[in-house]
Protein backbone atom coordinates (compact mmCIF):
# COMPACT_ATOMS: atom_id res chain seq x y z
CA MET A 1 -110.45 91.17 -129.20
CA VAL A 2 -112.74 88.37 -127.95
CA THR A 3 -113.10 85.17 -130.02
CA LEU A 4 -116.48 83.51 -129.55
CA ALA A 5 -117.17 79.79 -129.67
CA ASN A 6 -118.60 80.12 -133.18
CA GLY A 7 -115.40 81.75 -134.45
CA THR A 8 -116.73 85.29 -134.47
CA ASN A 9 -114.29 87.99 -133.41
CA PHE A 10 -115.43 91.03 -131.48
CA ALA A 11 -112.93 93.84 -131.34
CA PHE A 12 -112.65 96.04 -128.31
CA GLY A 13 -111.51 98.74 -130.69
CA ALA A 14 -114.92 98.95 -132.40
CA ARG A 15 -116.58 102.30 -132.95
CA VAL A 16 -117.28 103.84 -129.57
CA SER A 17 -120.32 105.95 -128.86
CA SER A 18 -120.16 109.11 -126.80
CA ASP A 19 -121.87 107.50 -123.81
CA VAL A 20 -119.23 104.74 -123.72
CA ILE A 21 -116.44 107.31 -123.87
CA GLU A 22 -118.03 109.12 -120.94
CA VAL A 23 -118.19 105.86 -118.92
CA ARG A 24 -114.52 105.21 -119.60
CA VAL A 25 -113.49 108.77 -118.71
CA ARG A 26 -115.36 108.65 -115.40
CA LEU A 27 -113.95 105.26 -114.48
CA SER A 28 -110.41 106.38 -115.35
CA ARG A 29 -110.81 109.44 -113.14
CA LEU A 30 -112.08 107.24 -110.33
CA VAL A 31 -109.09 104.94 -110.54
CA ARG A 32 -106.63 107.86 -110.62
CA GLY A 33 -108.37 109.39 -107.62
CA VAL A 34 -108.20 106.31 -105.47
CA ARG A 35 -104.57 105.81 -106.41
CA ARG A 36 -103.73 109.32 -105.14
CA GLY A 37 -105.78 109.43 -101.98
CA ALA A 38 -106.42 105.96 -100.66
CA GLY A 39 -104.78 102.78 -99.54
CA PRO A 40 -104.18 99.54 -101.42
CA LEU A 41 -107.58 98.05 -100.66
CA THR A 42 -109.38 101.05 -102.06
CA VAL A 43 -107.18 100.97 -105.16
CA LEU A 44 -108.09 97.32 -105.65
CA ALA A 45 -111.77 98.16 -105.22
CA GLY A 46 -111.49 100.87 -107.86
CA LEU A 47 -109.73 98.53 -110.26
CA GLY A 48 -112.38 95.91 -109.58
CA LEU A 49 -115.10 98.40 -110.46
CA TYR A 50 -113.31 99.20 -113.69
CA ALA A 51 -113.07 95.49 -114.57
CA VAL A 52 -116.78 94.96 -113.88
CA ALA A 53 -117.80 97.98 -115.98
CA ALA A 54 -115.54 97.14 -118.94
CA PRO A 55 -117.89 94.49 -120.45
CA THR A 56 -120.75 96.99 -120.47
CA ALA A 57 -118.63 99.60 -122.24
CA TRP A 58 -117.52 97.01 -124.78
CA MET A 59 -121.10 95.91 -125.49
CA TYR A 60 -122.16 99.51 -126.08
CA ALA A 61 -119.24 99.99 -128.45
CA SER A 62 -119.54 96.73 -130.38
CA THR A 63 -123.31 96.95 -130.90
CA GLY A 64 -123.59 100.68 -131.60
CA PRO A 65 -124.07 100.31 -135.38
CA TYR A 66 -126.87 97.78 -134.86
CA ARG A 67 -128.98 99.71 -132.31
CA LEU A 68 -131.41 101.92 -134.21
CA THR A 69 -134.93 103.33 -134.11
CA ALA A 70 -138.13 101.89 -135.53
CA ALA A 71 -137.85 104.42 -138.36
CA THR A 72 -134.21 103.72 -139.27
CA VAL A 73 -133.73 100.01 -138.58
CA PRO A 74 -133.43 97.81 -141.70
CA ALA A 75 -136.35 95.48 -142.32
CA ALA A 76 -135.98 91.89 -141.15
CA PRO A 77 -138.26 88.86 -141.42
CA VAL A 78 -138.67 88.42 -137.66
CA ALA A 79 -138.98 90.50 -134.50
CA ILE A 80 -137.74 88.78 -131.33
CA VAL A 81 -139.56 90.25 -128.32
CA LEU A 82 -138.00 89.39 -124.98
CA GLY A 83 -140.18 88.89 -121.92
CA ALA A 84 -140.09 91.37 -119.03
CA GLY A 85 -142.54 90.11 -116.44
CA LEU A 86 -146.27 90.10 -115.81
CA GLU A 87 -148.53 91.95 -113.42
CA GLY A 88 -151.22 89.41 -112.76
CA ALA A 89 -151.97 87.98 -116.20
CA LYS A 90 -151.07 91.17 -118.06
CA PRO A 91 -147.72 92.40 -119.38
CA SER A 92 -145.81 94.65 -117.00
CA PRO A 93 -145.48 98.31 -118.08
CA PHE A 94 -141.97 97.65 -119.38
CA LEU A 95 -143.11 94.58 -121.33
CA ALA A 96 -146.08 96.53 -122.70
CA GLY A 97 -143.60 99.12 -123.96
CA ARG A 98 -141.66 96.44 -125.80
CA LEU A 99 -144.85 95.12 -127.34
CA ARG A 100 -146.02 98.57 -128.48
CA THR A 101 -142.62 99.08 -130.10
CA THR A 102 -143.10 95.76 -131.89
CA VAL A 103 -146.55 96.77 -133.12
CA ASP A 104 -144.97 99.93 -134.51
CA LEU A 105 -142.37 97.85 -136.37
CA TYR A 106 -145.08 95.58 -137.77
CA ARG A 107 -147.22 98.48 -138.96
CA ARG A 108 -144.19 100.06 -140.64
CA GLY A 109 -143.58 96.84 -142.55
CA LYS A 110 -140.23 96.30 -140.84
CA VAL A 111 -141.10 92.74 -139.71
CA ARG A 112 -143.45 90.04 -141.01
CA ALA A 113 -143.39 87.56 -138.11
CA ILE A 114 -143.02 88.04 -134.37
CA LEU A 115 -141.38 85.60 -131.94
CA VAL A 116 -142.47 86.31 -128.37
CA THR A 117 -140.14 84.59 -125.93
CA GLY A 118 -140.57 84.39 -122.18
CA ASP A 119 -141.07 82.31 -119.06
CA ASN A 120 -143.77 79.65 -118.69
CA SER A 121 -141.91 77.49 -116.18
CA ARG A 122 -144.60 77.44 -113.51
CA LYS A 123 -148.34 77.01 -113.40
CA GLY A 124 -150.30 80.21 -113.75
CA TYR A 125 -147.39 82.22 -115.17
CA ASP A 126 -147.36 82.47 -118.96
CA GLU A 127 -145.45 85.40 -120.43
CA PRO A 128 -145.63 84.34 -124.11
CA SER A 129 -149.42 83.93 -124.12
CA ALA A 130 -149.90 87.30 -122.43
CA MET A 131 -147.57 88.87 -125.00
CA ARG A 132 -149.49 87.29 -127.88
CA ASP A 133 -152.84 88.46 -126.49
CA PHE A 134 -151.52 92.02 -126.17
CA LEU A 135 -150.29 92.04 -129.76
CA VAL A 136 -153.52 90.58 -131.12
CA ALA A 137 -155.58 93.17 -129.21
CA ASP A 138 -153.41 95.84 -130.87
CA GLY A 139 -154.14 94.53 -134.36
CA VAL A 140 -151.36 92.04 -135.13
CA PRO A 141 -152.78 88.87 -136.76
CA ALA A 142 -152.44 85.85 -134.49
CA GLU A 143 -151.02 83.76 -137.35
CA ARG A 144 -148.03 86.12 -137.50
CA ILE A 145 -147.09 85.45 -133.86
CA VAL A 146 -145.00 82.50 -132.63
CA LEU A 147 -144.58 81.63 -128.96
CA ASP A 148 -141.42 80.38 -127.24
CA TYR A 149 -142.31 79.19 -123.75
CA ALA A 150 -138.72 78.57 -122.63
CA GLY A 151 -137.09 81.97 -123.03
CA PHE A 152 -135.90 82.03 -119.42
CA ASP A 153 -133.22 84.65 -119.97
CA THR A 154 -131.68 86.65 -122.79
CA TRP A 155 -129.14 83.99 -123.74
CA ASP A 156 -131.73 81.20 -123.86
CA SER A 157 -134.11 83.35 -125.92
CA CYS A 158 -131.44 84.14 -128.51
CA ALA A 159 -130.06 80.60 -128.68
CA ARG A 160 -133.50 79.03 -129.00
CA ALA A 161 -134.53 81.54 -131.67
CA LYS A 162 -131.64 80.25 -133.77
CA GLU A 163 -131.58 76.56 -132.88
CA ILE A 164 -135.28 75.77 -132.40
CA PHE A 165 -137.05 78.32 -134.58
CA GLY A 166 -134.45 78.74 -137.30
CA VAL A 167 -134.27 82.54 -137.14
CA LYS A 168 -131.48 83.90 -139.34
CA ARG A 169 -132.18 87.64 -139.41
CA ALA A 170 -134.14 89.60 -136.82
CA ILE A 171 -134.84 92.79 -134.95
CA VAL A 172 -134.66 92.24 -131.20
CA VAL A 173 -136.96 94.43 -129.12
CA THR A 174 -136.36 95.27 -125.48
CA GLN A 175 -135.68 98.25 -123.21
CA GLU A 176 -132.91 100.64 -124.27
CA PHE A 177 -130.79 99.81 -121.22
CA HIS A 178 -130.95 96.09 -122.10
CA LEU A 179 -130.45 96.49 -125.86
CA PRO A 180 -126.63 96.32 -126.11
CA ARG A 181 -126.53 92.98 -124.28
CA ALA A 182 -129.50 91.57 -126.21
CA VAL A 183 -128.02 92.51 -129.59
CA ALA A 184 -124.58 91.17 -128.66
CA LEU A 185 -125.95 87.83 -127.47
CA CYS A 186 -128.28 87.31 -130.44
CA ARG A 187 -125.54 88.17 -132.91
CA SER A 188 -123.16 85.79 -131.15
CA VAL A 189 -125.43 82.78 -131.83
CA GLY A 190 -125.41 83.51 -135.54
CA ILE A 191 -128.50 85.66 -136.00
CA GLU A 192 -127.98 88.80 -138.08
CA THR A 193 -129.49 91.05 -135.44
CA TYR A 194 -130.47 94.68 -135.20
CA GLY A 195 -132.13 96.15 -132.13
CA VAL A 196 -134.81 98.69 -131.34
CA GLY A 197 -135.22 99.81 -127.75
CA HIS A 198 -138.13 101.18 -125.76
CA ASP A 199 -137.19 104.25 -123.73
CA THR A 200 -138.66 103.79 -120.24
CA TYR A 201 -137.00 106.78 -118.59
CA PRO A 202 -139.98 109.15 -119.00
CA MET A 203 -142.39 106.63 -117.45
CA ASP A 204 -140.23 105.34 -114.58
CA HIS A 205 -136.82 106.92 -114.19
CA GLN A 206 -136.01 105.13 -110.91
CA THR A 207 -136.56 101.62 -112.31
CA THR A 208 -134.78 102.60 -115.52
CA GLU A 209 -131.71 103.75 -113.59
CA TYR A 210 -131.78 100.47 -111.70
CA GLY A 211 -131.94 98.69 -115.06
CA TYR A 212 -128.83 100.46 -116.29
CA ALA A 213 -127.01 99.59 -113.06
CA ARG A 214 -128.10 95.95 -113.27
CA GLU A 215 -126.73 95.71 -116.80
CA VAL A 216 -123.22 96.32 -115.47
CA VAL A 217 -123.40 93.05 -113.52
CA ALA A 218 -125.40 91.17 -116.17
CA SER A 219 -122.84 92.06 -118.83
CA VAL A 220 -120.14 90.17 -116.91
CA LYS A 221 -122.20 86.97 -117.18
CA ALA A 222 -123.00 87.77 -120.80
CA VAL A 223 -119.30 87.83 -121.71
CA GLY A 224 -119.06 84.31 -120.30
CA ASP A 225 -122.00 83.25 -122.46
CA LEU A 226 -120.41 84.88 -125.51
CA VAL A 227 -117.22 82.90 -125.03
CA ALA A 228 -118.58 79.55 -123.79
CA HIS A 229 -121.90 79.31 -125.69
CA PRO A 230 -123.68 77.22 -123.02
CA ARG A 231 -126.66 75.11 -124.06
CA PRO A 232 -130.05 76.65 -123.26
CA ARG A 233 -131.80 75.10 -120.30
CA LEU A 234 -134.38 73.55 -122.61
CA LEU A 235 -133.90 72.49 -126.19
CA GLY A 236 -135.98 70.18 -128.34
CA PRO A 237 -136.88 69.46 -131.96
CA ARG A 238 -136.90 72.16 -134.62
CA GLU A 239 -140.23 74.00 -134.73
CA PRO A 240 -141.76 75.27 -138.00
CA GLY A 241 -143.72 78.14 -136.44
CA ILE A 242 -141.64 80.98 -137.86
CA GLN A 243 -141.75 79.61 -141.41
CA ARG A 244 -145.51 79.22 -141.15
CA ALA A 245 -145.88 82.76 -139.82
CA LEU A 246 -143.77 84.16 -142.66
CA THR A 247 -145.94 82.48 -145.28
CA ALA A 248 -149.27 83.25 -143.61
CA PRO A 249 -151.68 85.25 -145.82
């Protein structure tokens, strides 16, 4: 059981999906193997690997009921679309996948407003504007889209969605490998969050496998964010953009 700064309890005994069980089984076998056939340093290395992987397994387990498809996810007022890099001035292929998933949600009537959150910390690099332009070109009305220019990472994007934009219920959209962490972090700040992921494996299996591996390390930091609730790098006054988007004709 982990108690978050906002008083929320996350149980490590939550419903566990089959992929999490498989991770745990493989890690347990690894630890038993190094205990039988290797010295103390190797045993410590195996135990260290287990400790690093445990947060990822927990996030898969605790967010399983909230990770769904565009067809099955409950409707929510807002979609939160997390940035994933640009190629030139255009969304990267992974970011384009997130945006197409969001368009699908909008067309299904699952969301009424869209918060695009990304990095605009340096001149000539503007993720949110590129995301908005992509959505508008795909038929989403511009007045339904709100831009957050200070979504520097997943934690900041979730925290700012709650504190700056007043989001209370949302569907977060990202890659499938990133979805457990994104859902866990957004729920921890007080947003009733469901998640829909874009499956990138068919388009780029090598980068997708790297993404899954990276999540193991990123989940360790995420557990720290879940417990400590650090302030986002940039805050500011409350912005009315989401409320305006929700009431737009």
